[in-house]
Amino acid sequence: MRRIVVVIVGITLISCLGFLFVKQKKSDTDPVAEAVMANPTTAQIRQSLQGTITLNSGETQEDAKRRIFSTLFKKRFREFNPTIAVGMRFDNATSVRLYFPARLEPYYRDRIAYTAWREIKELLGVSCGITLWDTYIGLPPAKTGELKPVAGSPDRVHIIHNFTGQHVVQ
């Protein structure tokens, strides 16, 4: 009788510890690393940019490519589970704004910004500067950082997070 009780308690403890181990491993996954690789992938965006592009009124071919790129890049994060509300806007050919939820960790912002820079450079052929913005409900976005290409080193960037988070209305 004692052996059966010991075996049942042992199996229960091992099952509980196994469950906690699996749950801990599952919670350690990096959602941004998975979202960066989600659809639409870089290859799918490239294919969309190479196809026939319908131009809006007063829009150049390059403007249309930037519009399509930003739409597909945002879609990658907004349709991923868990959803990350990433926004993108091209100010001009060499300046991009990336908008993030205010609660998103700077580490994740940096990864998304670097991915955007790398894909813009690869697909559009432009090494651009990216400003990072936090978004809040009911408040204008706050500038919180910048990604700049390193001068003399075309494959490196430098990300700065030293802004006071002042709200800028534009």
Protein backbone atom coordinates (compact mmCIF):
# COMPACT_ATOMS: atom_id res chain seq x y z
CA MET A 1 0.00 0.00 0.00
CA ARG A 2 2.82 2.40 0.85
CA ARG A 3 4.56 1.64 -2.43
CA ILE A 4 1.47 2.57 -4.41
CA VAL A 5 1.12 5.87 -2.54
CA VAL A 6 4.82 6.67 -3.08
CA VAL A 7 4.54 5.82 -6.80
CA ILE A 8 1.41 7.98 -7.21
CA VAL A 9 2.99 10.93 -5.38
CA GLY A 10 6.20 10.52 -7.41
CA ILE A 11 4.36 10.43 -10.72
CA THR A 12 2.30 13.47 -9.71
CA LEU A 13 5.39 15.45 -8.72
CA ILE A 14 7.26 14.52 -11.90
CA SER A 15 4.23 15.46 -14.01
CA CYS A 16 3.89 18.84 -12.29
CA LEU A 17 7.59 19.60 -12.66
CA GLY A 18 7.51 18.57 -16.32
CA PHE A 19 4.51 20.81 -16.96
CA LEU A 20 6.22 23.78 -15.30
CA PHE A 21 9.41 23.13 -17.29
CA VAL A 22 7.53 23.04 -20.60
CA LYS A 23 5.56 26.15 -19.68
CA GLN A 24 8.77 27.99 -18.73
CA LYS A 25 10.42 27.02 -22.03
CA LYS A 26 7.36 28.18 -23.98
CA SER A 27 7.30 31.59 -22.24
CA ASP A 28 11.00 32.14 -23.02
CA THR A 29 10.33 32.37 -26.75
CA ASP A 30 11.03 35.70 -28.42
CA PRO A 31 7.88 36.96 -30.18
CA VAL A 32 9.74 39.60 -32.17
CA ALA A 33 12.23 37.07 -33.55
CA GLU A 34 9.31 35.01 -34.83
CA ALA A 35 7.44 38.08 -36.14
CA VAL A 36 10.47 39.29 -38.10
CA MET A 37 10.42 36.00 -40.02
CA ALA A 38 6.62 35.94 -40.47
CA ASN A 39 4.63 36.57 -43.65
CA PRO A 40 5.01 38.58 -45.76
CA THR A 41 8.68 37.61 -45.88
CA THR A 42 11.40 39.62 -47.56
CA ALA A 43 11.09 37.42 -50.65
CA GLN A 44 7.34 38.02 -50.83
CA ILE A 45 7.82 41.78 -50.47
CA ARG A 46 10.48 41.67 -53.21
CA GLN A 47 8.04 39.83 -55.47
CA SER A 48 5.33 42.45 -54.82
CA LEU A 49 7.76 45.27 -55.62
CA GLN A 50 8.81 43.63 -58.90
CA GLY A 51 5.28 43.13 -60.16
CA THR A 52 3.08 45.70 -61.83
CA ILE A 53 2.49 48.59 -59.45
CA THR A 54 -0.57 50.80 -59.79
CA LEU A 55 0.30 54.42 -59.13
CA ASN A 56 -1.92 56.79 -57.18
CA SER A 57 -2.43 60.28 -58.58
CA GLY A 58 0.78 62.31 -58.46
CA GLU A 59 2.81 59.35 -57.26
CA THR A 60 6.13 58.27 -58.78
CA GLN A 61 7.25 54.68 -59.19
CA GLU A 62 9.64 55.03 -56.22
CA ASP A 63 6.88 56.53 -54.04
CA ALA A 64 4.64 53.58 -54.92
CA LYS A 65 7.39 51.10 -54.01
CA ARG A 66 7.88 52.81 -50.64
CA ARG A 67 4.10 52.76 -50.03
CA ILE A 68 3.84 49.05 -50.84
CA PHE A 69 6.91 48.22 -48.76
CA SER A 70 5.59 50.04 -45.69
CA THR A 71 2.15 48.45 -46.05
CA LEU A 72 3.58 44.93 -46.25
CA PHE A 73 6.12 45.55 -43.48
CA LYS A 74 3.39 46.76 -41.12
CA LYS A 75 1.18 43.82 -42.12
CA ARG A 76 3.90 41.38 -41.01
CA PHE A 77 3.68 42.55 -37.41
CA ARG A 78 0.01 43.44 -37.22
CA GLU A 79 -1.20 40.05 -38.45
CA PHE A 80 1.25 38.07 -36.33
CA ASN A 81 0.07 36.49 -33.09
CA PRO A 82 0.75 38.19 -30.66
CA THR A 83 0.02 41.36 -32.60
CA ILE A 84 2.65 44.11 -32.45
CA ALA A 85 1.25 47.48 -33.53
CA VAL A 86 4.15 48.65 -35.69
CA GLY A 87 3.65 51.61 -37.99
CA MET A 88 5.93 52.89 -40.76
CA ARG A 89 5.97 56.09 -42.77
CA PHE A 90 8.50 57.34 -45.29
CA ASP A 91 9.16 61.07 -44.86
CA ASN A 92 11.27 61.01 -48.01
CA ALA A 93 13.56 58.55 -49.83
CA THR A 94 16.18 58.53 -47.04
CA SER A 95 14.09 59.13 -43.92
CA VAL A 96 11.67 56.69 -42.30
CA ARG A 97 9.55 56.86 -39.16
CA LEU A 98 8.81 53.68 -37.22
CA TYR A 99 6.01 53.80 -34.66
CA PHE A 100 5.87 51.35 -31.75
CA PRO A 101 3.55 50.76 -28.81
CA ALA A 102 4.94 52.61 -25.78
CA ARG A 103 5.16 49.38 -23.78
CA LEU A 104 7.45 47.61 -26.25
CA GLU A 105 10.95 47.01 -24.91
CA PRO A 106 13.82 48.98 -26.54
CA TYR A 107 15.55 45.70 -27.41
CA TYR A 108 12.57 44.66 -29.53
CA ARG A 109 12.32 48.12 -31.12
CA ASP A 110 15.97 47.91 -32.10
CA ARG A 111 15.48 44.52 -33.74
CA ILE A 112 12.47 45.70 -35.72
CA ALA A 113 14.24 48.94 -36.73
CA TYR A 114 17.34 47.04 -37.86
CA THR A 115 15.18 44.62 -39.84
CA ALA A 116 13.40 47.54 -41.52
CA TRP A 117 16.73 49.22 -42.35
CA ARG A 118 18.21 46.01 -43.76
CA GLU A 119 15.15 45.28 -45.90
CA ILE A 120 14.88 48.87 -47.18
CA LYS A 121 18.54 48.75 -48.13
CA GLU A 122 18.14 45.37 -49.83
CA LEU A 123 14.81 45.92 -51.60
CA LEU A 124 14.77 49.64 -52.31
CA GLY A 125 18.53 50.21 -52.60
CA VAL A 126 18.62 53.07 -50.08
CA SER A 127 20.55 53.31 -46.82
CA CYS A 128 18.21 55.49 -44.80
CA GLY A 129 17.95 56.93 -41.33
CA ILE A 130 15.08 55.74 -39.15
CA THR A 131 13.50 57.64 -36.28
CA LEU A 132 11.81 55.60 -33.57
CA TRP A 133 8.55 56.84 -32.09
CA ASP A 134 6.43 55.66 -29.17
CA THR A 135 2.68 55.87 -29.61
CA TYR A 136 0.19 56.53 -26.84
CA ILE A 137 -3.59 56.48 -26.83
CA GLY A 138 -4.87 60.05 -26.84
CA LEU A 139 -1.42 61.67 -27.12
CA PRO A 140 0.78 62.52 -30.08
CA PRO A 141 3.75 60.19 -30.74
CA ALA A 142 6.99 60.78 -28.82
CA LYS A 143 10.38 60.55 -30.52
CA THR A 144 12.49 58.08 -28.54
CA GLY A 145 15.42 57.10 -30.75
CA GLU A 146 17.24 57.09 -34.04
CA LEU A 147 18.90 54.50 -36.21
CA LYS A 148 21.66 55.94 -38.38
CA PRO A 149 24.02 54.21 -40.81
CA VAL A 150 27.66 54.35 -39.70
CA ALA A 151 29.72 56.60 -41.99
CA GLY A 152 32.32 54.64 -43.96
CA SER A 153 30.79 51.28 -43.04
CA PRO A 154 27.77 50.53 -45.24
CA ASP A 155 26.65 47.40 -43.37
CA ARG A 156 26.61 48.87 -39.86
CA VAL A 157 24.13 51.07 -38.04
CA HIS A 158 24.11 52.95 -34.76
CA ILE A 159 20.97 53.22 -32.63
CA ILE A 160 20.64 56.04 -30.11
CA HIS A 161 18.02 56.15 -27.33
CA ASN A 162 18.71 59.45 -25.61
CA PHE A 163 15.60 61.44 -26.32
CA THR A 164 13.50 62.85 -23.51
CA GLY A 165 10.33 61.52 -25.08
CA GLN A 166 8.89 64.93 -25.80
CA HIS A 167 5.69 64.84 -27.78
CA VAL A 168 5.91 66.37 -31.24
CA VAL A 169 2.80 67.26 -33.20
CA GLN A 170 3.16 67.20 -36.99
